[in-house]
Amino acid sequence: MKRLEEIERLVIVVDMVNGFIKFGNLADPYVNHITPNIIKLIEKTIEDEEGLAFIADNHEKFSTEFKKFLEHCVKGSGEEEVIDELKKYLTYALYFIKNSTSTIYAENFLETIKKMKNLKEVEIVGCDTDICILNLAIPLVCFFDENNWDVMVSVYRSMVETYDAPNHNRDEYNEMAFKLMKQAGVNVI
């Protein structure tokens, strides 16, 4: 990977962790169908020596987020770990943990982005489309606009997914999220 100051393209892999895919209260194994496409993008990014970052949901046992969502990704549970299929790529990546649905507030995340003076595009992949992807993509667009920084924020339809549950239809929530992101200036591909 290039030095932070030289990175022009940053791929951010959001919450591809056991607790959302493999096991736990919020796991939906269907989400894993996007992993092969994400691997291709990661390998191309590494080959191009561009930026790669992983985001991992990571909570204390009594996180206030559990008032809104079932307990998930508790530190030490294994749920907070990146899925095995992607672990080998961690050595090439920046790594941030978050305690909310928005990566923007993860420790050192924005400080790291600010160091990427040549950044032209951010590509976001992972899960869940309508929660953590949306809560990263839109605030990033706002951050770049606030700072008059011409950076395109892109989300790939084939590399993001959400869960299916009663009162949460996967297809419906994906489409709503895509519409909201497009309206906010996110490049949905």
Protein backbone atom coordinates (compact mmCIF):
# COMPACT_ATOMS: atom_id res chain seq x y z
CA MET A 1 0.00 0.00 0.00
CA LYS A 2 1.15 3.52 -0.76
CA ARG A 3 1.80 6.02 1.99
CA LEU A 4 -1.41 7.70 3.16
CA GLU A 5 -0.48 10.93 1.37
CA GLU A 6 -0.17 9.09 -1.97
CA ILE A 7 -3.42 7.10 -1.93
CA GLU A 8 -5.85 8.09 -4.67
CA ARG A 9 -8.41 5.31 -4.21
CA LEU A 10 -9.52 3.82 -0.91
CA VAL A 11 -11.62 0.65 -0.62
CA ILE A 12 -13.43 0.36 2.70
CA VAL A 13 -14.73 -3.09 3.70
CA VAL A 14 -17.46 -2.56 6.29
CA ASP A 15 -18.53 -5.10 8.91
CA MET A 16 -17.70 -8.30 7.08
CA VAL A 17 -17.50 -9.91 10.51
CA ASN A 18 -18.69 -13.19 11.99
CA GLY A 19 -21.48 -11.55 13.97
CA PHE A 20 -23.25 -10.36 10.83
CA ILE A 21 -22.50 -13.37 8.62
CA LYS A 22 -21.48 -16.53 10.46
CA PHE A 23 -22.97 -16.69 13.97
CA GLY A 24 -24.71 -14.62 16.62
CA ASN A 25 -27.98 -12.77 17.11
CA LEU A 26 -27.63 -10.64 13.95
CA ALA A 27 -25.91 -13.11 11.63
CA ASP A 28 -27.43 -13.73 8.21
CA PRO A 29 -25.36 -16.24 6.20
CA TYR A 30 -26.92 -14.99 2.96
CA VAL A 31 -24.76 -11.86 3.24
CA ASN A 32 -21.71 -14.01 2.48
CA HIS A 33 -22.70 -14.26 -1.20
CA ILE A 34 -21.00 -10.87 -1.76
CA THR A 35 -17.63 -12.11 -0.46
CA PRO A 36 -16.23 -13.41 -3.81
CA ASN A 37 -16.84 -10.00 -5.46
CA ILE A 38 -15.25 -8.23 -2.49
CA ILE A 39 -12.19 -10.51 -2.72
CA LYS A 40 -11.72 -9.59 -6.40
CA LEU A 41 -11.90 -5.89 -5.55
CA ILE A 42 -9.49 -6.28 -2.62
CA GLU A 43 -6.96 -8.19 -4.74
CA LYS A 44 -7.12 -5.54 -7.48
CA THR A 45 -6.68 -2.82 -4.86
CA ILE A 46 -3.62 -4.55 -3.39
CA GLU A 47 -2.18 -5.10 -6.88
CA ASP A 48 -2.66 -1.37 -7.62
CA GLU A 49 -1.08 -0.52 -4.24
CA GLU A 50 -4.04 1.68 -3.38
CA GLY A 51 -5.70 2.07 0.02
CA LEU A 52 -7.59 -0.66 1.80
CA ALA A 53 -9.40 -0.39 5.11
CA PHE A 54 -11.46 -2.80 7.18
CA ILE A 55 -14.13 -1.67 9.61
CA ALA A 56 -15.25 -4.03 12.38
CA ASP A 57 -18.22 -3.60 14.68
CA ASN A 58 -16.87 -4.07 18.19
CA HIS A 59 -18.87 -3.48 21.38
CA GLU A 60 -18.49 -3.69 25.13
CA LYS A 61 -20.93 -6.05 26.89
CA PHE A 62 -23.27 -3.20 27.87
CA SER A 63 -23.17 -1.06 24.74
CA THR A 64 -26.01 1.45 24.49
CA GLU A 65 -26.49 0.31 20.88
CA PHE A 66 -28.03 -2.87 22.31
CA LYS A 67 -31.11 -0.80 23.22
CA LYS A 68 -31.74 -0.58 19.46
CA PHE A 69 -30.28 -3.85 18.19
CA LEU A 70 -29.85 -7.26 19.80
CA GLU A 71 -26.49 -7.88 21.46
CA HIS A 72 -23.85 -8.46 18.78
CA CYS A 73 -20.11 -8.28 18.07
CA VAL A 74 -19.11 -8.14 21.74
CA LYS A 75 -15.34 -7.92 22.27
CA GLY A 76 -13.91 -11.38 22.84
CA SER A 77 -16.96 -13.23 21.50
CA GLY A 78 -15.45 -13.96 18.08
CA GLU A 79 -18.38 -12.17 16.44
CA GLU A 80 -16.30 -9.00 16.10
CA GLU A 81 -13.65 -10.77 14.00
CA VAL A 82 -13.40 -10.38 10.24
CA ILE A 83 -14.66 -13.53 8.48
CA ASP A 84 -12.02 -16.14 7.66
CA GLU A 85 -12.38 -15.61 3.90
CA LEU A 86 -11.07 -12.03 4.27
CA LYS A 87 -8.68 -12.29 7.24
CA LYS A 88 -5.56 -12.77 5.12
CA TYR A 89 -6.07 -9.31 3.61
CA LEU A 90 -5.90 -7.55 6.99
CA THR A 91 -2.09 -7.36 6.71
CA TYR A 92 -2.53 -5.02 3.72
CA ALA A 93 -5.15 -2.83 5.34
CA LEU A 94 -5.88 -0.08 7.77
CA TYR A 95 -8.17 -1.38 10.52
CA PHE A 96 -10.78 0.52 12.49
CA ILE A 97 -13.22 -0.69 15.11
CA LYS A 98 -16.52 1.07 15.73
CA ASN A 99 -19.05 1.13 18.53
CA SER A 100 -21.90 2.64 16.53
CA THR A 101 -23.55 2.20 13.16
CA SER A 102 -21.35 4.95 11.68
CA THR A 103 -17.67 4.51 10.91
CA ILE A 104 -17.32 8.29 10.82
CA TYR A 105 -17.07 8.28 14.63
CA ALA A 106 -14.57 5.41 14.87
CA GLU A 107 -11.37 6.43 16.62
CA ASN A 108 -8.85 7.97 14.19
CA PHE A 109 -10.99 7.29 11.11
CA LEU A 110 -11.47 10.90 9.96
CA GLU A 111 -7.96 11.83 11.07
CA THR A 112 -6.64 9.09 8.77
CA ILE A 113 -8.85 10.21 5.86
CA LYS A 114 -7.58 13.79 6.28
CA LYS A 115 -4.01 12.55 5.71
CA MET A 116 -4.97 11.17 2.27
CA LYS A 117 -4.30 14.44 0.46
CA ASN A 118 -4.43 12.86 -3.04
CA LEU A 119 -7.64 10.92 -2.47
CA LYS A 120 -9.98 10.93 -5.48
CA GLU A 121 -12.36 8.04 -4.77
CA VAL A 122 -13.66 6.01 -1.85
CA GLU A 123 -15.32 2.68 -2.65
CA ILE A 124 -17.48 1.17 0.08
CA VAL A 125 -18.43 -2.52 0.28
CA GLY A 126 -19.80 -4.84 2.97
CA CYS A 127 -22.86 -4.89 5.18
CA ASP A 128 -25.49 -3.79 6.07
CA THR A 129 -26.56 -1.62 3.12
CA ASP A 130 -29.28 0.29 4.98
CA ILE A 131 -27.40 0.72 8.25
CA CYS A 132 -23.60 0.81 8.37
CA ILE A 133 -23.00 1.32 4.63
CA LEU A 134 -25.52 4.17 4.42
CA ASN A 135 -24.21 5.67 7.69
CA LEU A 136 -20.71 5.78 6.24
CA ALA A 137 -21.39 6.77 2.63
CA ILE A 138 -23.63 9.77 3.24
CA PRO A 139 -21.55 11.31 6.06
CA LEU A 140 -18.41 10.84 3.94
CA VAL A 141 -20.03 12.75 1.07
CA CYS A 142 -20.95 15.48 3.56
CA PHE A 143 -17.42 15.53 5.01
CA PHE A 144 -15.85 15.94 1.57
CA ASP A 145 -18.39 18.64 0.61
CA GLU A 146 -17.84 20.51 3.88
CA ASN A 147 -14.13 20.63 3.10
CA ASN A 148 -14.55 21.35 -0.65
CA TRP A 149 -12.67 18.15 -1.37
CA ASP A 150 -13.60 16.61 -4.74
CA VAL A 151 -13.74 12.92 -3.79
CA MET A 152 -16.26 10.51 -5.29
CA VAL A 153 -17.89 8.11 -2.84
CA SER A 154 -19.05 4.90 -4.55
CA VAL A 155 -21.06 1.91 -3.36
CA TYR A 156 -21.21 -1.27 -5.44
CA ARG A 157 -24.63 -2.96 -5.50
CA SER A 158 -22.95 -6.36 -6.06
CA MET A 159 -20.72 -5.91 -3.00
CA VAL A 160 -23.16 -4.72 -0.34
CA GLU A 161 -25.99 -6.60 1.33
CA THR A 162 -28.39 -6.41 4.24
CA TYR A 163 -30.22 -8.96 6.33
CA ASP A 164 -33.68 -10.43 5.97
CA ALA A 165 -35.96 -10.57 9.02
CA PRO A 166 -39.57 -9.97 10.02
CA ASN A 167 -40.33 -6.29 9.33
CA HIS A 168 -37.04 -5.97 7.43
CA ASN A 169 -37.36 -7.18 3.85
CA ARG A 170 -33.86 -7.43 2.38
CA ASP A 171 -34.79 -6.29 -1.13
CA GLU A 172 -36.94 -3.40 0.06
CA TYR A 173 -34.35 -2.05 2.49
CA ASN A 174 -31.53 -2.40 -0.04
CA GLU A 175 -33.50 -0.38 -2.59
CA MET A 176 -34.44 2.29 -0.05
CA ALA A 177 -30.80 2.64 0.97
CA PHE A 178 -29.64 2.89 -2.65
CA LYS A 179 -32.21 5.65 -3.33
CA LEU A 180 -31.23 7.62 -0.24
CA MET A 181 -27.53 7.33 -1.04
CA LYS A 182 -28.01 8.38 -4.67
CA GLN A 183 -30.05 11.39 -3.57
CA ALA A 184 -27.21 12.40 -1.22
CA GLY A 185 -24.59 12.23 -3.98
CA VAL A 186 -23.23 8.72 -3.51
CA ASN A 187 -22.28 7.00 -6.76
CA VAL A 188 -24.27 3.74 -6.61
CA ILE A 189 -22.85 1.34 -9.20
